[in-house]
Amino acid sequence: MRTDMFQHSLEDLNGSTADIEASALISTDGLMIASALPQGMDEDRIGAMSAALLSLGERTARELARGKLERVLIQGERGYVIMSAAGPEAVLTVLAKSNAKLGLIFLDIKRAAETLSKLI
């Protein structure tokens, strides 16, 4: 039942704007909790990379005195990968289009992360 709630939250996030292409909820250990990813993506690999990057981002923010990490943003020529903590035990990873309105996406991600962290 909880898995269905995670899945529903991710599908709501993906449907909140056409700029969001996919999303996944991953444990801080790198294990996939729930996903709304396109076919053919390696969930295990995405989980491991997301957890590692969020951990590294948190350490970097701390070491460089930037305060609490809000998100890790990767920009490629075909779009964005955005990772944000969803409580202390999970990472929310979102794939967005290259022409996405990031401010709106950040707001949607923040809301989804808050909802998901309450469910965990």
PDB file of N, CA and C in Angstrom:
ATOM      1  N   MET A   1       0.827  -1.199   0.000  1.00  0.00           N
ATOM      2  CA  MET A   1       0.000   0.000   0.000  1.00  0.00           C
ATOM      3  C   MET A   1       0.871   1.262   0.000  1.00  0.00           C
ATOM      4  N   ARG A   2       1.927   1.268   0.833  1.00  0.00           N
ATOM      5  CA  ARG A   2       2.817   2.426   0.862  1.00  0.00           C
ATOM      6  C   ARG A   2       3.504   2.614  -0.486  1.00  0.00           C
ATOM      7  N   THR A   3       3.874   1.498  -1.111  1.00  0.00           N
ATOM      8  CA  THR A   3       4.515   1.564  -2.427  1.00  0.00           C
ATOM      9  C   THR A   3       3.579   2.217  -3.431  1.00  0.00           C
ATOM     10  N   ASP A   4       2.297   1.910  -3.352  1.00  0.00           N
ATOM     11  CA  ASP A   4       1.319   2.538  -4.243  1.00  0.00           C
ATOM     12  C   ASP A   4       1.247   4.048  -4.005  1.00  0.00           C
ATOM     13  N   MET A   5       1.366   4.451  -2.756  1.00  0.00           N
ATOM     14  CA  MET A   5       1.334   5.875  -2.422  1.00  0.00           C
ATOM     15  C   MET A   5       2.581   6.586  -2.972  1.00  0.00           C
ATOM     16  N   PHE A   6       3.736   5.926  -2.863  1.00  0.00           N
ATOM     17  CA  PHE A   6       4.964   6.485  -3.443  1.00  0.00           C
ATOM     18  C   PHE A   6       4.797   6.638  -4.951  1.00  0.00           C
ATOM     19  N   GLN A   7       4.318   5.582  -5.580  1.00  0.00           N
ATOM     20  CA  GLN A   7       4.140   5.574  -7.033  1.00  0.00           C
ATOM     21  C   GLN A   7       3.176   6.672  -7.466  1.00  0.00           C
ATOM     22  N   HIS A   8       2.087   6.808  -6.740  1.00  0.00           N
ATOM     23  CA  HIS A   8       1.085   7.830  -7.068  1.00  0.00           C
ATOM     24  C   HIS A   8       1.691   9.235  -6.949  1.00  0.00           C
ATOM     25  N   SER A   9       2.491   9.466  -5.906  1.00  0.00           N
ATOM     26  CA  SER A   9       3.131  10.772  -5.722  1.00  0.00           C
ATOM     27  C   SER A   9       4.091  11.087  -6.866  1.00  0.00           C
ATOM     28  N   LEU A  10       4.854  10.074  -7.299  1.00  0.00           N
ATOM     29  CA  LEU A  10       5.778  10.288  -8.418  1.00  0.00           C
ATOM     30  C   LEU A  10       5.027  10.572  -9.714  1.00  0.00           C
ATOM     31  N   GLU A  11       3.937   9.852  -9.945  1.00  0.00           N
ATOM     32  CA  GLU A  11       3.138  10.085 -11.149  1.00  0.00           C
ATOM     33  C   GLU A  11       2.496  11.473 -11.131  1.00  0.00           C
ATOM     34  N   ASP A  12       2.080  11.919  -9.932  1.00  0.00           N
ATOM     35  CA  ASP A  12       1.545  13.281  -9.800  1.00  0.00           C
ATOM     36  C   ASP A  12       2.619  14.318 -10.121  1.00  0.00           C
ATOM     37  N   LEU A  13       3.835  14.076  -9.628  1.00  0.00           N
ATOM     38  CA  LEU A  13       4.944  14.983  -9.908  1.00  0.00           C
ATOM     39  C   LEU A  13       5.215  15.046 -11.411  1.00  0.00           C
ATOM     40  N   ASN A  14       5.284  13.892 -12.048  1.00  0.00           N
ATOM     41  CA  ASN A  14       5.535  13.848 -13.501  1.00  0.00           C
ATOM     42  C   ASN A  14       4.431  14.559 -14.279  1.00  0.00           C
ATOM     43  N   GLY A  15       3.212  14.486 -13.774  1.00  0.00           N
ATOM     44  CA  GLY A  15       2.086  15.115 -14.450  1.00  0.00           C
ATOM     45  C   GLY A  15       1.896  16.585 -14.122  1.00  0.00           C
ATOM     46  N   SER A  16       2.664  17.094 -13.159  1.00  0.00           N
ATOM     47  CA  SER A  16       2.491  18.481 -12.735  1.00  0.00           C
ATOM     48  C   SER A  16       2.921  19.481 -13.804  1.00  0.00           C
ATOM     49  N   THR A  17       3.837  19.077 -14.667  1.00  0.00           N
ATOM     50  CA  THR A  17       4.284  19.933 -15.765  1.00  0.00           C
ATOM     51  C   THR A  17       4.835  19.049 -16.887  1.00  0.00           C
ATOM     52  N   ALA A  18       4.701  19.521 -18.101  1.00  0.00           N
ATOM     53  CA  ALA A  18       5.229  18.761 -19.244  1.00  0.00           C
ATOM     54  C   ALA A  18       6.751  18.764 -19.271  1.00  0.00           C
ATOM     55  N   ASP A  19       7.372  19.635 -18.474  1.00  0.00           N
ATOM     56  CA  ASP A  19       8.834  19.732 -18.445  1.00  0.00           C
ATOM     57  C   ASP A  19       9.497  18.595 -17.669  1.00  0.00           C
ATOM     58  N   ILE A  20       8.733  17.919 -16.804  1.00  0.00           N
ATOM     59  CA  ILE A  20       9.278  16.785 -16.045  1.00  0.00           C
ATOM     60  C   ILE A  20       9.045  15.511 -16.848  1.00  0.00           C
ATOM     61  N   GLU A  21      10.137  14.807 -17.133  1.00  0.00           N
ATOM     62  CA  GLU A  21      10.051  13.605 -17.959  1.00  0.00           C
ATOM     63  C   GLU A  21      10.000  12.319 -17.142  1.00  0.00           C
ATOM     64  N   ALA A  22      10.615  12.314 -15.963  1.00  0.00           N
ATOM     65  CA  ALA A  22      10.669  11.094 -15.161  1.00  0.00           C
ATOM     66  C   ALA A  22      11.068  11.441 -13.737  1.00  0.00           C
ATOM     67  N   SER A  23      10.800  10.506 -12.817  1.00  0.00           N
ATOM     68  CA  SER A  23      11.200  10.703 -11.431  1.00  0.00           C
ATOM     69  C   SER A  23      11.357   9.350 -10.745  1.00  0.00           C
ATOM     70  N   ALA A  24      12.121   9.379  -9.646  1.00  0.00           N
ATOM     71  CA  ALA A  24      12.348   8.159  -8.882  1.00  0.00           C
ATOM     72  C   ALA A  24      12.610   8.515  -7.427  1.00  0.00           C
ATOM     73  N   LEU A  25      12.185   7.645  -6.537  1.00  0.00           N
ATOM     74  CA  LEU A  25      12.453   7.766  -5.110  1.00  0.00           C
ATOM     75  C   LEU A  25      13.423   6.656  -4.746  1.00  0.00           C
ATOM     76  N   ILE A  26      14.564   7.044  -4.183  1.00  0.00           N
ATOM     77  CA  ILE A  26      15.665   6.113  -3.953  1.00  0.00           C
ATOM     78  C   ILE A  26      16.118   6.221  -2.505  1.00  0.00           C
ATOM     79  N   SER A  27      16.423   5.091  -1.880  1.00  0.00           N
ATOM     80  CA  SER A  27      16.936   5.134  -0.514  1.00  0.00           C
ATOM     81  C   SER A  27      18.333   5.720  -0.521  1.00  0.00           C
ATOM     82  N   THR A  28      18.773   6.228   0.624  1.00  0.00           N
ATOM     83  CA  THR A  28      20.122   6.795   0.704  1.00  0.00           C
ATOM     84  C   THR A  28      21.188   5.726   0.512  1.00  0.00           C
ATOM     85  N   ASP A  29      20.788   4.455   0.567  1.00  0.00           N
ATOM     86  CA  ASP A  29      21.699   3.344   0.267  1.00  0.00           C
ATOM     87  C   ASP A  29      21.766   3.048  -1.226  1.00  0.00           C
ATOM     88  N   GLY A  30      20.934   3.722  -2.013  1.00  0.00           N
ATOM     89  CA  GLY A  30      20.945   3.535  -3.461  1.00  0.00           C
ATOM     90  C   GLY A  30      19.939   2.531  -3.979  1.00  0.00           C
ATOM     91  N   LEU A  31      19.020   2.082  -3.138  1.00  0.00           N
ATOM     92  CA  LEU A  31      18.012   1.104  -3.569  1.00  0.00           C
ATOM     93  C   LEU A  31      16.747   1.822  -4.036  1.00  0.00           C
ATOM     94  N   MET A  32      16.201   1.386  -5.159  1.00  0.00           N
ATOM     95  CA  MET A  32      15.008   1.993  -5.725  1.00  0.00           C
ATOM     96  C   MET A  32      13.797   1.671  -4.843  1.00  0.00           C
ATOM     97  N   ILE A  33      13.096   2.720  -4.413  1.00  0.00           N
ATOM     98  CA  ILE A  33      11.881   2.549  -3.617  1.00  0.00           C
ATOM     99  C   ILE A  33      10.674   2.537  -4.543  1.00  0.00           C
ATOM    100  N   ALA A  34      10.624   3.523  -5.443  1.00  0.00           N
ATOM    101  CA  ALA A  34       9.547   3.615  -6.444  1.00  0.00           C
ATOM    102  C   ALA A  34      10.070   4.454  -7.595  1.00  0.00           C
ATOM    103  N   SER A  35       9.520   4.213  -8.780  1.00  0.00           N
ATOM    104  CA  SER A  35       9.975   5.000  -9.924  1.00  0.00           C
ATOM    105  C   SER A  35       8.886   5.191 -10.953  1.00  0.00           C
ATOM    106  N   ALA A  36       9.020   6.288 -11.668  1.00  0.00           N
ATOM    107  CA  ALA A  36       8.192   6.579 -12.832  1.00  0.00           C
ATOM    108  C   ALA A  36       9.187   6.957 -13.924  1.00  0.00           C
ATOM    109  N   LEU A  37       9.960   5.970 -14.350  1.00  0.00           N
ATOM    110  CA  LEU A  37      11.033   6.150 -15.333  1.00  0.00           C
ATOM    111  C   LEU A  37      10.643   5.513 -16.658  1.00  0.00           C
ATOM    112  N   PRO A  38      11.204   6.004 -17.753  1.00  0.00           N
ATOM    113  CA  PRO A  38      10.943   5.385 -19.055  1.00  0.00           C
ATOM    114  C   PRO A  38      11.520   3.968 -19.117  1.00  0.00           C
ATOM    115  N   GLN A  39      10.944   3.148 -19.969  1.00  0.00           N
ATOM    116  CA  GLN A  39      11.447   1.789 -20.185  1.00  0.00           C
ATOM    117  C   GLN A  39      12.908   1.847 -20.627  1.00  0.00           C
ATOM    118  N   GLY A  40      13.672   0.875 -20.204  1.00  0.00           N
ATOM    119  CA  GLY A  40      15.046   0.764 -20.647  1.00  0.00           C
ATOM    120  C   GLY A  40      16.067   1.436 -19.747  1.00  0.00           C
ATOM    121  N   MET A  41      15.629   2.224 -18.767  1.00  0.00           N
ATOM    122  CA  MET A  41      16.582   2.835 -17.845  1.00  0.00           C
ATOM    123  C   MET A  41      16.932   1.821 -16.759  1.00  0.00           C
ATOM    124  N   ASP A  42      18.203   1.737 -16.422  1.00  0.00           N
ATOM    125  CA  ASP A  42      18.698   0.801 -15.419  1.00  0.00           C
ATOM    126  C   ASP A  42      18.455   1.385 -14.026  1.00  0.00           C
ATOM    127  N   GLU A  43      17.409   0.908 -13.357  1.00  0.00           N
ATOM    128  CA  GLU A  43      17.029   1.448 -12.049  1.00  0.00           C
ATOM    129  C   GLU A  43      18.124   1.276 -11.008  1.00  0.00           C
ATOM    130  N   ASP A  44      18.834   0.160 -11.038  1.00  0.00           N
ATOM    131  CA  ASP A  44      19.902  -0.067 -10.059  1.00  0.00           C
ATOM    132  C   ASP A  44      21.016   0.954 -10.221  1.00  0.00           C
ATOM    133  N   ARG A  45      21.384   1.205 -11.458  1.00  0.00           N
ATOM    134  CA  ARG A  45      22.455   2.176 -11.743  1.00  0.00           C
ATOM    135  C   ARG A  45      22.019   3.592 -11.356  1.00  0.00           C
ATOM    136  N   ILE A  46      20.785   3.960 -11.696  1.00  0.00           N
ATOM    137  CA  ILE A  46      20.263   5.285 -11.356  1.00  0.00           C
ATOM    138  C   ILE A  46      20.216   5.452  -9.840  1.00  0.00           C
ATOM    139  N   GLY A  47      19.789   4.421  -9.146  1.00  0.00           N
ATOM    140  CA  GLY A  47      19.724   4.476  -7.692  1.00  0.00           C
ATOM    141  C   GLY A  47      21.084   4.701  -7.065  1.00  0.00           C
ATOM    142  N   ALA A  48      22.065   3.956  -7.493  1.00  0.00           N
ATOM    143  CA  ALA A  48      23.415   4.077  -6.938  1.00  0.00           C
ATOM    144  C   ALA A  48      24.005   5.455  -7.228  1.00  0.00           C
ATOM    145  N   MET A  49      23.865   5.939  -8.458  1.00  0.00           N
ATOM    146  CA  MET A  49      24.416   7.247  -8.811  1.00  0.00           C
ATOM    147  C   MET A  49      23.730   8.374  -8.040  1.00  0.00           C
ATOM    148  N   SER A  50      22.418   8.304  -7.917  1.00  0.00           N
ATOM    149  CA  SER A  50      21.676   9.356  -7.227  1.00  0.00           C
ATOM    150  C   SER A  50      22.070   9.450  -5.760  1.00  0.00           C
ATOM    151  N   ALA A  51      22.134   8.313  -5.097  1.00  0.00           N
ATOM    152  CA  ALA A  51      22.511   8.312  -3.678  1.00  0.00           C
ATOM    153  C   ALA A  51      23.935   8.831  -3.491  1.00  0.00           C
ATOM    154  N   ALA A  52      24.833   8.411  -4.358  1.00  0.00           N
ATOM    155  CA  ALA A  52      26.229   8.850  -4.252  1.00  0.00           C
ATOM    156  C   ALA A  52      26.362  10.353  -4.488  1.00  0.00           C
ATOM    157  N   LEU A  53      25.676  10.868  -5.510  1.00  0.00           N
ATOM    158  CA  LEU A  53      25.773  12.294  -5.815  1.00  0.00           C
ATOM    159  C   LEU A  53      25.152  13.154  -4.721  1.00  0.00           C
ATOM    160  N   LEU A  54      24.022  12.738  -4.164  1.00  0.00           N
ATOM    161  CA  LEU A  54      23.414  13.520  -3.095  1.00  0.00           C
ATOM    162  C   LEU A  54      24.326  13.527  -1.872  1.00  0.00           C
ATOM    163  N   SER A  55      24.902  12.385  -1.545  1.00  0.00           N
ATOM    164  CA  SER A  55      25.825  12.308  -0.414  1.00  0.00           C
ATOM    165  C   SER A  55      27.029  13.218  -0.632  1.00  0.00           C
ATOM    166  N   LEU A  56      27.593  13.179  -1.826  1.00  0.00           N
ATOM    167  CA  LEU A  56      28.735  14.035  -2.147  1.00  0.00           C
ATOM    168  C   LEU A  56      28.342  15.511  -2.110  1.00  0.00           C
ATOM    169  N   GLY A  57      27.163  15.832  -2.605  1.00  0.00           N
ATOM    170  CA  GLY A  57      26.676  17.209  -2.553  1.00  0.00           C
ATOM    171  C   GLY A  57      26.522  17.711  -1.130  1.00  0.00           C
ATOM    172  N   GLU A  58      25.978  16.863  -0.246  1.00  0.00           N
ATOM    173  CA  GLU A  58      25.822  17.241   1.161  1.00  0.00           C
ATOM    174  C   GLU A  58      27.177  17.497   1.803  1.00  0.00           C
ATOM    175  N   ARG A  59      28.126  16.631   1.523  1.00  0.00           N
ATOM    176  CA  ARG A  59      29.464  16.798   2.094  1.00  0.00           C
ATOM    177  C   ARG A  59      30.138  18.056   1.547  1.00  0.00           C
ATOM    178  N   THR A  60      29.993  18.298   0.260  1.00  0.00           N
ATOM    179  CA  THR A  60      30.589  19.488  -0.350  1.00  0.00           C
ATOM    180  C   THR A  60      29.994  20.763   0.240  1.00  0.00           C
ATOM    181  N   ALA A  61      28.679  20.821   0.364  1.00  0.00           N
ATOM    182  CA  ALA A  61      28.019  21.996   0.943  1.00  0.00           C
ATOM    183  C   ALA A  61      28.504  22.232   2.369  1.00  0.00           C
ATOM    184  N   ARG A  62      28.640  21.171   3.122  1.00  0.00           N
ATOM    185  CA  ARG A  62      29.111  21.277   4.514  1.00  0.00           C
ATOM    186  C   ARG A  62      30.569  21.741   4.568  1.00  0.00           C
ATOM    187  N   GLU A  63      31.437  21.097   3.786  1.00  0.00           N
ATOM    188  CA  GLU A  63      32.872  21.417   3.797  1.00  0.00           C
ATOM    189  C   GLU A  63      33.150  22.839   3.309  1.00  0.00           C
ATOM    190  N   LEU A  64      32.339  23.326   2.390  1.00  0.00           N
ATOM    191  CA  LEU A  64      32.552  24.664   1.843  1.00  0.00           C
ATOM    192  C   LEU A  64      31.666  25.716   2.511  1.00  0.00           C
ATOM    193  N   ALA A  65      31.092  25.349   3.646  1.00  0.00           N
ATOM    194  CA  ALA A  65      30.287  26.263   4.471  1.00  0.00           C
ATOM    195  C   ALA A  65      29.154  26.914   3.674  1.00  0.00           C
ATOM    196  N   ARG A  66      28.421  26.111   2.906  1.00  0.00           N
ATOM    197  CA  ARG A  66      27.292  26.612   2.133  1.00  0.00           C
ATOM    198  C   ARG A  66      25.955  26.329   2.800  1.00  0.00           C
ATOM    199  N   GLY A  67      25.970  25.752   3.987  1.00  0.00           N
ATOM    200  CA  GLY A  67      24.730  25.449   4.689  1.00  0.00           C
ATOM    201  C   GLY A  67      24.143  24.123   4.245  1.00  0.00           C
ATOM    202  N   LYS A  68      22.886  23.926   4.600  1.00  0.00           N
ATOM    203  CA  LYS A  68      22.193  22.679   4.277  1.00  0.00           C
ATOM    204  C   LYS A  68      21.957  22.577   2.766  1.00  0.00           C
ATOM    205  N   LEU A  69      22.272  21.423   2.209  1.00  0.00           N
ATOM    206  CA  LEU A  69      22.092  21.193   0.774  1.00  0.00           C
ATOM    207  C   LEU A  69      20.604  21.186   0.425  1.00  0.00           C
ATOM    208  N   GLU A  70      20.242  21.902  -0.633  1.00  0.00           N
ATOM    209  CA  GLU A  70      18.866  21.899  -1.103  1.00  0.00           C
ATOM    210  C   GLU A  70      18.673  20.931  -2.258  1.00  0.00           C
ATOM    211  N   ARG A  71      19.633  20.943  -3.197  1.00  0.00           N
ATOM    212  CA  ARG A  71      19.506  20.063  -4.355  1.00  0.00           C
ATOM    213  C   ARG A  71      20.843  19.943  -5.066  1.00  0.00           C
ATOM    214  N   VAL A  72      20.957  18.892  -5.846  1.00  0.00           N
ATOM    215  CA  VAL A  72      22.086  18.715  -6.755  1.00  0.00           C
ATOM    216  C   VAL A  72      21.504  18.814  -8.155  1.00  0.00           C
ATOM    217  N   LEU A  73      22.118  19.651  -8.984  1.00  0.00           N
ATOM    218  CA  LEU A  73      21.611  19.898 -10.326  1.00  0.00           C
ATOM    219  C   LEU A  73      22.699  19.557 -11.338  1.00  0.00           C
ATOM    220  N   ILE A  74      22.343  18.714 -12.287  1.00  0.00           N
ATOM    221  CA  ILE A  74      23.245  18.373 -13.383  1.00  0.00           C
ATOM    222  C   ILE A  74      22.563  18.828 -14.664  1.00  0.00           C
ATOM    223  N   GLN A  75      23.282  19.620 -15.451  1.00  0.00           N
ATOM    224  CA  GLN A  75      22.734  20.117 -16.711  1.00  0.00           C
ATOM    225  C   GLN A  75      23.504  19.500 -17.864  1.00  0.00           C
ATOM    226  N   GLY A  76      22.777  18.822 -18.737  1.00  0.00           N
ATOM    227  CA  GLY A  76      23.355  18.253 -19.948  1.00  0.00           C
ATOM    228  C   GLY A  76      22.711  18.906 -21.156  1.00  0.00           C
ATOM    229  N   GLU A  77      23.222  18.618 -22.310  1.00  0.00           N
ATOM    230  CA  GLU A  77      22.674  19.262 -23.513  1.00  0.00           C
ATOM    231  C   GLU A  77      21.234  18.846 -23.799  1.00  0.00           C
ATOM    232  N   ARG A  78      20.798  17.719 -23.243  1.00  0.00           N
ATOM    233  CA  ARG A  78      19.421  17.254 -23.485  1.00  0.00           C
ATOM    234  C   ARG A  78      18.520  17.395 -22.263  1.00  0.00           C
ATOM    235  N   GLY A  79      18.991  18.098 -21.237  1.00  0.00           N
ATOM    236  CA  GLY A  79      18.121  18.323 -20.093  1.00  0.00           C
ATOM    237  C   GLY A  79      18.838  18.284 -18.767  1.00  0.00           C
ATOM    238  N   TYR A  80      18.040  18.201 -17.717  1.00  0.00           N
ATOM    239  CA  TYR A  80      18.529  18.289 -16.347  1.00  0.00           C
ATOM    240  C   TYR A  80      18.269  17.007 -15.565  1.00  0.00           C
ATOM    241  N   VAL A  81      19.144  16.749 -14.615  1.00  0.00           N
ATOM    242  CA  VAL A  81      18.927  15.749 -13.579  1.00  0.00           C
ATOM    243  C   VAL A  81      18.971  16.536 -12.277  1.00  0.00           C
ATOM    244  N   ILE A  82      17.905  16.443 -11.498  1.00  0.00           N
ATOM    245  CA  ILE A  82      17.806  17.194 -10.252  1.00  0.00           C
ATOM    246  C   ILE A  82      17.576  16.196  -9.125  1.00  0.00           C
ATOM    247  N   MET A  83      18.428  16.263  -8.102  1.00  0.00           N
ATOM    248  CA  MET A  83      18.318  15.380  -6.952  1.00  0.00           C
ATOM    249  C   MET A  83      18.093  16.200  -5.695  1.00  0.00           C
ATOM    250  N   SER A  84      17.153  15.755  -4.884  1.00  0.00           N
ATOM    251  CA  SER A  84      16.830  16.464  -3.659  1.00  0.00           C
ATOM    252  C   SER A  84      16.528  15.434  -2.575  1.00  0.00           C
ATOM    253  N   ALA A  85      16.872  15.749  -1.343  1.00  0.00           N
ATOM    254  CA  ALA A  85      16.556  14.845  -0.239  1.00  0.00           C
ATOM    255  C   ALA A  85      15.041  14.798  -0.043  1.00  0.00           C
ATOM    256  N   ALA A  86      14.553  13.608   0.240  1.00  0.00           N
ATOM    257  CA  ALA A  86      13.145  13.424   0.587  1.00  0.00           C
ATOM    258  C   ALA A  86      13.144  12.839   1.998  1.00  0.00           C
ATOM    259  N   GLY A  87      13.431  13.681   2.973  1.00  0.00           N
ATOM    260  CA  GLY A  87      13.619  13.227   4.339  1.00  0.00           C
ATOM    261  C   GLY A  87      15.042  12.719   4.506  1.00  0.00           C
ATOM    262  N   PRO A  88      15.363  12.203   5.679  1.00  0.00           N
ATOM    263  CA  PRO A  88      16.732  11.759   5.941  1.00  0.00           C
ATOM    264  C   PRO A  88      17.092  10.411   5.315  1.00  0.00           C
ATOM    265  N   GLU A  89      16.099   9.708   4.760  1.00  0.00           N
ATOM    266  CA  GLU A  89      16.338   8.347   4.294  1.00  0.00           C
ATOM    267  C   GLU A  89      16.179   8.133   2.794  1.00  0.00           C
ATOM    268  N   ALA A  90      15.885   9.202   2.039  1.00  0.00           N
ATOM    269  CA  ALA A  90      15.618   8.993   0.615  1.00  0.00           C
ATOM    270  C   ALA A  90      16.046  10.185  -0.235  1.00  0.00           C
ATOM    271  N   VAL A  91      16.200   9.892  -1.520  1.00  0.00           N
ATOM    272  CA  VAL A  91      16.575  10.874  -2.536  1.00  0.00           C
ATOM    273  C   VAL A  91      15.475  10.886  -3.600  1.00  0.00           C
ATOM    274  N   LEU A  92      15.041  12.074  -3.981  1.00  0.00           N
ATOM    275  CA  LEU A  92      14.103  12.216  -5.089  1.00  0.00           C
ATOM    276  C   LEU A  92      14.903  12.690  -6.292  1.00  0.00           C
ATOM    277  N   THR A  93      14.904  11.892  -7.350  1.00  0.00           N
ATOM    278  CA  THR A  93      15.623  12.222  -8.577  1.00  0.00           C
ATOM    279  C   THR A  93      14.609  12.518  -9.668  1.00  0.00           C
ATOM    280  N   VAL A  94      14.814  13.641 -10.362  1.00  0.00           N
ATOM    281  CA  VAL A  94      13.879  14.081 -11.400  1.00  0.00           C
ATOM    282  C   VAL A  94      14.656  14.379 -12.677  1.00  0.00           C
ATOM    283  N   LEU A  95      14.118  13.940 -13.809  1.00  0.00           N
ATOM    284  CA  LEU A  95      14.669  14.276 -15.121  1.00  0.00           C
ATOM    285  C   LEU A  95      13.761  15.324 -15.751  1.00  0.00           C
ATOM    286  N   ALA A  96      14.369  16.425 -16.214  1.00  0.00           N
ATOM    287  CA  ALA A  96      13.596  17.516 -16.799  1.00  0.00           C
ATOM    288  C   ALA A  96      14.154  17.881 -18.170  1.00  0.00           C
ATOM    289  N   LYS A  97      13.305  18.456 -18.997  1.00  0.00           N
ATOM    290  CA  LYS A  97      13.685  18.865 -20.354  1.00  0.00           C
ATOM    291  C   LYS A  97      14.673  20.034 -20.308  1.00  0.00           C
ATOM    292  N   SER A  98      15.396  20.207 -21.400  1.00  0.00           N
ATOM    293  CA  SER A  98      16.424  21.249 -21.460  1.00  0.00           C
ATOM    294  C   SER A  98      15.845  22.668 -21.422  1.00  0.00           C
ATOM    295  N   ASN A  99      14.615  22.844 -21.862  1.00  0.00           N
ATOM    296  CA  ASN A  99      13.989  24.169 -21.853  1.00  0.00           C
ATOM    297  C   ASN A  99      13.048  24.356 -20.660  1.00  0.00           C
ATOM    298  N   ALA A 100      13.217  23.547 -19.636  1.00  0.00           N
ATOM    299  CA  ALA A 100      12.327  23.572 -18.474  1.00  0.00           C
ATOM    300  C   ALA A 100      12.438  24.884 -17.701  1.00  0.00           C
ATOM    301  N   LYS A 101      11.332  25.275 -17.111  1.00  0.00           N
ATOM    302  CA  LYS A 101      11.306  26.432 -16.219  1.00  0.00           C
ATOM    303  C   LYS A 101      11.703  25.918 -14.828  1.00  0.00           C
ATOM    304  N   LEU A 102      12.967  26.093 -14.494  1.00  0.00           N
ATOM    305  CA  LEU A 102      13.519  25.471 -13.289  1.00  0.00           C
ATOM    306  C   LEU A 102      12.864  25.938 -11.997  1.00  0.00           C
ATOM    307  N   GLY A 103      12.519  27.203 -11.910  1.00  0.00           N
ATOM    308  CA  GLY A 103      11.885  27.703 -10.679  1.00  0.00           C
ATOM    309  C   GLY A 103      10.620  26.933 -10.344  1.00  0.00           C
ATOM    310  N   LEU A 104       9.783  26.701 -11.342  1.00  0.00           N
ATOM    311  CA  LEU A 104       8.540  25.957 -11.121  1.00  0.00           C
ATOM    312  C   LEU A 104       8.825  24.493 -10.792  1.00  0.00           C
ATOM    313  N   ILE A 105       9.818  23.935 -11.460  1.00  0.00           N
ATOM    314  CA  ILE A 105      10.167  22.538 -11.203  1.00  0.00           C
ATOM    315  C   ILE A 105      10.716  22.386  -9.787  1.00  0.00           C
ATOM    316  N   PHE A 106      11.552  23.322  -9.351  1.00  0.00           N
ATOM    317  CA  PHE A 106      12.087  23.264  -7.983  1.00  0.00           C
ATOM    318  C   PHE A 106      10.962  23.291  -6.963  1.00  0.00           C
ATOM    319  N   LEU A 107       9.953  24.110  -7.214  1.00  0.00           N
ATOM    320  CA  LEU A 107       8.803  24.190  -6.309  1.00  0.00           C
ATOM    321  C   LEU A 107       8.042  22.864  -6.290  1.00  0.00           C
ATOM    322  N   ASP A 108       7.797  22.288  -7.463  1.00  0.00           N
ATOM    323  CA  ASP A 108       7.107  20.994  -7.539  1.00  0.00           C
ATOM    324  C   ASP A 108       7.910  19.894  -6.844  1.00  0.00           C
ATOM    325  N   ILE A 109       9.225  19.910  -7.029  1.00  0.00           N
ATOM    326  CA  ILE A 109      10.087  18.909  -6.394  1.00  0.00           C
ATOM    327  C   ILE A 109      10.049  19.062  -4.877  1.00  0.00           C
ATOM    328  N   LYS A 110      10.103  20.299  -4.407  1.00  0.00           N
ATOM    329  CA  LYS A 110      10.073  20.539  -2.952  1.00  0.00           C
ATOM    330  C   LYS A 110       8.784  20.006  -2.345  1.00  0.00           C
ATOM    331  N   ARG A 111       7.675  20.276  -2.999  1.00  0.00           N
ATOM    332  CA  ARG A 111       6.376  19.793  -2.499  1.00  0.00           C
ATOM    333  C   ARG A 111       6.320  18.260  -2.512  1.00  0.00           C
ATOM    334  N   ALA A 112       6.774  17.664  -3.603  1.00  0.00           N
ATOM    335  CA  ALA A 112       6.759  16.202  -3.705  1.00  0.00           C
ATOM    336  C   ALA A 112       7.682  15.581  -2.662  1.00  0.00           C
ATOM    337  N   ALA A 113       8.862  16.164  -2.453  1.00  0.00           N
ATOM    338  CA  ALA A 113       9.810  15.635  -1.468  1.00  0.00           C
ATOM    339  C   ALA A 113       9.219  15.688  -0.058  1.00  0.00           C
ATOM    340  N   GLU A 114       8.517  16.772   0.256  1.00  0.00           N
ATOM    341  CA  GLU A 114       7.859  16.876   1.568  1.00  0.00           C
ATOM    342  C   GLU A 114       6.800  15.804   1.729  1.00  0.00           C
ATOM    343  N   THR A 115       5.989  15.606   0.708  1.00  0.00           N
ATOM    344  CA  THR A 115       4.933  14.580   0.750  1.00  0.00           C
ATOM    345  C   THR A 115       5.547  13.189   0.909  1.00  0.00           C
ATOM    346  N   LEU A 116       6.564  12.892   0.106  1.00  0.00           N
ATOM    347  CA  LEU A 116       7.194  11.580   0.147  1.00  0.00           C
ATOM    348  C   LEU A 116       7.902  11.323   1.474  1.00  0.00           C
ATOM    349  N   SER A 117       8.525  12.355   2.038  1.00  0.00           N
ATOM    350  CA  SER A 117       9.242  12.163   3.309  1.00  0.00           C
ATOM    351  C   SER A 117       8.270  11.810   4.433  1.00  0.00           C
ATOM    352  N   LYS A 118       7.047  12.300   4.362  1.00  0.00           N
ATOM    353  CA  LYS A 118       6.031  11.955   5.365  1.00  0.00           C
ATOM    354  C   LYS A 118       5.572  10.513   5.235  1.00  0.00           C
ATOM    355  N   LEU A 119       5.648   9.978   4.017  1.00  0.00           N
ATOM    356  CA  LEU A 119       5.211   8.599   3.773  1.00  0.00           C
ATOM    357  C   LEU A 119       6.263   7.558   4.148  1.00  0.00           C
ATOM    358  N   ILE A 120       7.528   7.999   4.185  1.00  0.00           N
ATOM    359  CA  ILE A 120       8.614   7.037   4.432  1.00  0.00           C
ATOM    360  C   ILE A 120       8.662   6.589   5.846  1.00  0.00           C
TER     361      ILE A 120
END
